[in-house]
């Protein structure tokens, strides 16, 4: 099982407000962290320097290891305290109404049927 990361409240706030002005690479990694994808999945999508980026985001408090997701060898040597669920949302906020998420086209409206004549 691959280590799974989730955004902390600081990470969620950064995605929403860009208040910490993360470099584009770090911001991309932060956006990809969703509490479901493991380190291996993220590495496949993001390529080189994934581990360094994840470690940096974790050190800065933007992400944390999802409790129970770390491999046995890692979890035994580095205990990770569980954070209260109310203070660390795991889901990425939904886009504003009427707007498609970045990088995705909005769904096309259904085709119109000709008027009966």
C-alpha atoms as a PDB file:
ATOM      1  CA  UNK A   1       0.000   0.000   0.000  1.00  0.00           C
ATOM      2  CA  UNK A   2       1.317   3.415  -0.988  1.00  0.00           C
ATOM      3  CA  UNK A   3       1.343   6.340   1.457  1.00  0.00           C
ATOM      4  CA  UNK A   4      -1.718   8.550   0.940  1.00  0.00           C
ATOM      5  CA  UNK A   5      -1.592  12.278   1.650  1.00  0.00           C
ATOM      6  CA  UNK A   6      -4.382  14.755   2.303  1.00  0.00           C
ATOM      7  CA  UNK A   7      -4.491  18.539   2.449  1.00  0.00           C
ATOM      8  CA  UNK A   8      -4.501  20.198   5.849  1.00  0.00           C
ATOM      9  CA  UNK A   9      -6.701  23.241   6.465  1.00  0.00           C
ATOM     10  CA  UNK A  10      -3.651  25.340   5.503  1.00  0.00           C
ATOM     11  CA  UNK A  11      -3.385  23.392   2.226  1.00  0.00           C
ATOM     12  CA  UNK A  12      -7.067  23.845   1.410  1.00  0.00           C
ATOM     13  CA  UNK A  13      -6.774  27.575   2.135  1.00  0.00           C
ATOM     14  CA  UNK A  14      -3.725  27.834  -0.146  1.00  0.00           C
ATOM     15  CA  UNK A  15      -5.587  26.206  -3.041  1.00  0.00           C
ATOM     16  CA  UNK A  16      -8.493  28.611  -2.550  1.00  0.00           C
ATOM     17  CA  UNK A  17      -6.599  31.861  -1.886  1.00  0.00           C
ATOM     18  CA  UNK A  18      -2.966  31.431  -3.049  1.00  0.00           C
ATOM     19  CA  UNK A  19      -1.983  33.361   0.086  1.00  0.00           C
ATOM     20  CA  UNK A  20       1.384  31.599   0.478  1.00  0.00           C
ATOM     21  CA  UNK A  21       2.322  32.056  -3.198  1.00  0.00           C
ATOM     22  CA  UNK A  22       3.671  28.550  -3.736  1.00  0.00           C
ATOM     23  CA  UNK A  23       5.766  28.028  -6.870  1.00  0.00           C
ATOM     24  CA  UNK A  24       3.738  26.534  -9.761  1.00  0.00           C
ATOM     25  CA  UNK A  25       5.279  23.047  -9.362  1.00  0.00           C
ATOM     26  CA  UNK A  26       4.459  22.914  -5.631  1.00  0.00           C
ATOM     27  CA  UNK A  27       0.951  24.244  -6.225  1.00  0.00           C
ATOM     28  CA  UNK A  28       0.338  21.550  -8.856  1.00  0.00           C
ATOM     29  CA  UNK A  29       1.430  18.840  -6.442  1.00  0.00           C
ATOM     30  CA  UNK A  30      -0.767  20.328  -3.689  1.00  0.00           C
ATOM     31  CA  UNK A  31      -3.778  20.361  -6.004  1.00  0.00           C
ATOM     32  CA  UNK A  32      -3.214  16.696  -6.929  1.00  0.00           C
ATOM     33  CA  UNK A  33      -3.179  15.613  -3.266  1.00  0.00           C
ATOM     34  CA  UNK A  34      -6.754  14.519  -2.594  1.00  0.00           C
ATOM     35  CA  UNK A  35      -6.719  11.997   0.245  1.00  0.00           C
ATOM     36  CA  UNK A  36      -7.290   9.099  -2.177  1.00  0.00           C
ATOM     37  CA  UNK A  37      -4.251   8.955  -4.459  1.00  0.00           C
ATOM     38  CA  UNK A  38      -1.191   7.242  -3.085  1.00  0.00           C
ATOM     39  CA  UNK A  39       2.416   8.359  -3.448  1.00  0.00           C
ATOM     40  CA  UNK A  40       2.935   5.931  -6.323  1.00  0.00           C
ATOM     41  CA  UNK A  41      -0.061   7.320  -8.229  1.00  0.00           C
ATOM     42  CA  UNK A  42       1.138  10.886  -7.685  1.00  0.00           C
ATOM     43  CA  UNK A  43       4.652   9.951  -8.845  1.00  0.00           C
ATOM     44  CA  UNK A  44       3.240   8.480 -12.078  1.00  0.00           C
ATOM     45  CA  UNK A  45       1.260  11.661 -12.772  1.00  0.00           C
ATOM     46  CA  UNK A  46       3.850  14.188 -11.636  1.00  0.00           C
ATOM     47  CA  UNK A  47       7.142  12.537 -12.582  1.00  0.00           C
ATOM     48  CA  UNK A  48      10.504  13.580 -11.160  1.00  0.00           C
ATOM     49  CA  UNK A  49      10.896  15.195  -7.752  1.00  0.00           C
ATOM     50  CA  UNK A  50       7.527  13.994  -6.461  1.00  0.00           C
ATOM     51  CA  UNK A  51       8.988  12.779  -3.165  1.00  0.00           C
ATOM     52  CA  UNK A  52      10.853  16.045  -2.595  1.00  0.00           C
ATOM     53  CA  UNK A  53       7.723  18.074  -3.353  1.00  0.00           C
ATOM     54  CA  UNK A  54       5.540  15.960  -1.066  1.00  0.00           C
ATOM     55  CA  UNK A  55       8.097  16.187   1.738  1.00  0.00           C
ATOM     56  CA  UNK A  56       8.380  19.959   1.353  1.00  0.00           C
ATOM     57  CA  UNK A  57       4.585  20.404   1.395  1.00  0.00           C
ATOM     58  CA  UNK A  58       4.386  18.184   4.474  1.00  0.00           C
ATOM     59  CA  UNK A  59       7.211  20.068   6.235  1.00  0.00           C
ATOM     60  CA  UNK A  60       5.434  23.370   5.545  1.00  0.00           C
ATOM     61  CA  UNK A  61       2.107  22.050   6.888  1.00  0.00           C
ATOM     62  CA  UNK A  62       0.136  21.999   3.620  1.00  0.00           C
ATOM     63  CA  UNK A  63      -0.387  18.208   3.572  1.00  0.00           C
ATOM     64  CA  UNK A  64      -0.270  15.297   5.998  1.00  0.00           C
ATOM     65  CA  UNK A  65      -0.143  11.525   5.768  1.00  0.00           C
ATOM     66  CA  UNK A  66      -3.592   9.972   5.935  1.00  0.00           C
ATOM     67  CA  UNK A  67      -3.570   7.883   9.134  1.00  0.00           C
ATOM     68  CA  UNK A  68      -3.336   4.159   8.408  1.00  0.00           C
ATOM     69  CA  UNK A  69      -2.082   4.613   4.845  1.00  0.00           C
ATOM     70  CA  UNK A  70       1.675   4.518   5.410  1.00  0.00           C
ATOM     71  CA  UNK A  71       3.495   1.261   4.609  1.00  0.00           C
ATOM     72  CA  UNK A  72       4.371  -0.787   7.698  1.00  0.00           C
ATOM     73  CA  UNK A  73       8.085   0.041   7.512  1.00  0.00           C
ATOM     74  CA  UNK A  74       7.386   3.803   7.376  1.00  0.00           C
ATOM     75  CA  UNK A  75       4.612   3.949   9.943  1.00  0.00           C
ATOM     76  CA  UNK A  76       6.718   2.081  12.507  1.00  0.00           C
ATOM     77  CA  UNK A  77       9.594   4.552  12.250  1.00  0.00           C
ATOM     78  CA  UNK A  78       7.633   7.793  11.797  1.00  0.00           C
ATOM     79  CA  UNK A  79       4.404   7.929  13.795  1.00  0.00           C
ATOM     80  CA  UNK A  80       1.810  10.324  12.391  1.00  0.00           C
ATOM     81  CA  UNK A  81      -0.752  11.725  14.824  1.00  0.00           C
ATOM     82  CA  UNK A  82      -4.347  11.704  13.625  1.00  0.00           C
ATOM     83  CA  UNK A  83      -5.866  15.140  13.143  1.00  0.00           C
ATOM     84  CA  UNK A  84      -9.521  15.880  13.924  1.00  0.00           C
ATOM     85  CA  UNK A  85     -11.618  15.459  10.789  1.00  0.00           C
ATOM     86  CA  UNK A  86     -13.447  18.751  11.366  1.00  0.00           C
ATOM     87  CA  UNK A  87     -10.263  20.816  11.038  1.00  0.00           C
ATOM     88  CA  UNK A  88      -8.733  19.062   8.015  1.00  0.00           C
ATOM     89  CA  UNK A  89     -11.141  18.667   5.111  1.00  0.00           C
ATOM     90  CA  UNK A  90     -10.155  15.893   2.730  1.00  0.00           C
ATOM     91  CA  UNK A  91     -12.220  16.908  -0.270  1.00  0.00           C
ATOM     92  CA  UNK A  92     -11.301  19.586  -2.754  1.00  0.00           C
ATOM     93  CA  UNK A  93     -13.934  22.354  -2.835  1.00  0.00           C
ATOM     94  CA  UNK A  94     -16.441  22.225  -5.682  1.00  0.00           C
ATOM     95  CA  UNK A  95     -16.151  24.858  -8.437  1.00  0.00           C
ATOM     96  CA  UNK A  96     -18.463  27.861  -8.372  1.00  0.00           C
ATOM     97  CA  UNK A  97     -21.894  27.329  -9.908  1.00  0.00           C
ATOM     98  CA  UNK A  98     -21.926  27.689 -13.666  1.00  0.00           C
ATOM     99  CA  UNK A  99     -18.159  27.285 -14.017  1.00  0.00           C
ATOM    100  CA  UNK A 100     -16.336  24.171 -15.164  1.00  0.00           C
ATOM    101  CA  UNK A 101     -13.314  23.020 -13.154  1.00  0.00           C
ATOM    102  CA  UNK A 102      -9.962  24.199 -14.536  1.00  0.00           C
ATOM    103  CA  UNK A 103      -8.676  22.045 -17.346  1.00  0.00           C
ATOM    104  CA  UNK A 104     -12.039  20.532 -18.103  1.00  0.00           C
ATOM    105  CA  UNK A 105     -14.631  21.684 -20.576  1.00  0.00           C
ATOM    106  CA  UNK A 106     -18.164  22.285 -19.386  1.00  0.00           C
ATOM    107  CA  UNK A 107     -20.680  19.591 -20.333  1.00  0.00           C
ATOM    108  CA  UNK A 108     -22.581  20.392 -23.506  1.00  0.00           C
ATOM    109  CA  UNK A 109     -26.333  20.959 -23.160  1.00  0.00           C
ATOM    110  CA  UNK A 110     -28.570  18.177 -24.494  1.00  0.00           C
ATOM    111  CA  UNK A 111     -29.515  18.455 -28.197  1.00  0.00           C
ATOM    112  CA  UNK A 112     -32.759  20.210 -29.004  1.00  0.00           C
ATOM    113  CA  UNK A 113     -35.552  18.262 -30.590  1.00  0.00           C
ATOM    114  CA  UNK A 114     -37.350  19.692 -33.640  1.00  0.00           C
ATOM    115  CA  UNK A 115     -40.797  21.115 -32.942  1.00  0.00           C
ATOM    116  CA  UNK A 116     -43.702  18.852 -33.820  1.00  0.00           C
ATOM    117  CA  UNK A 117     -45.447  20.191 -36.848  1.00  0.00           C
END
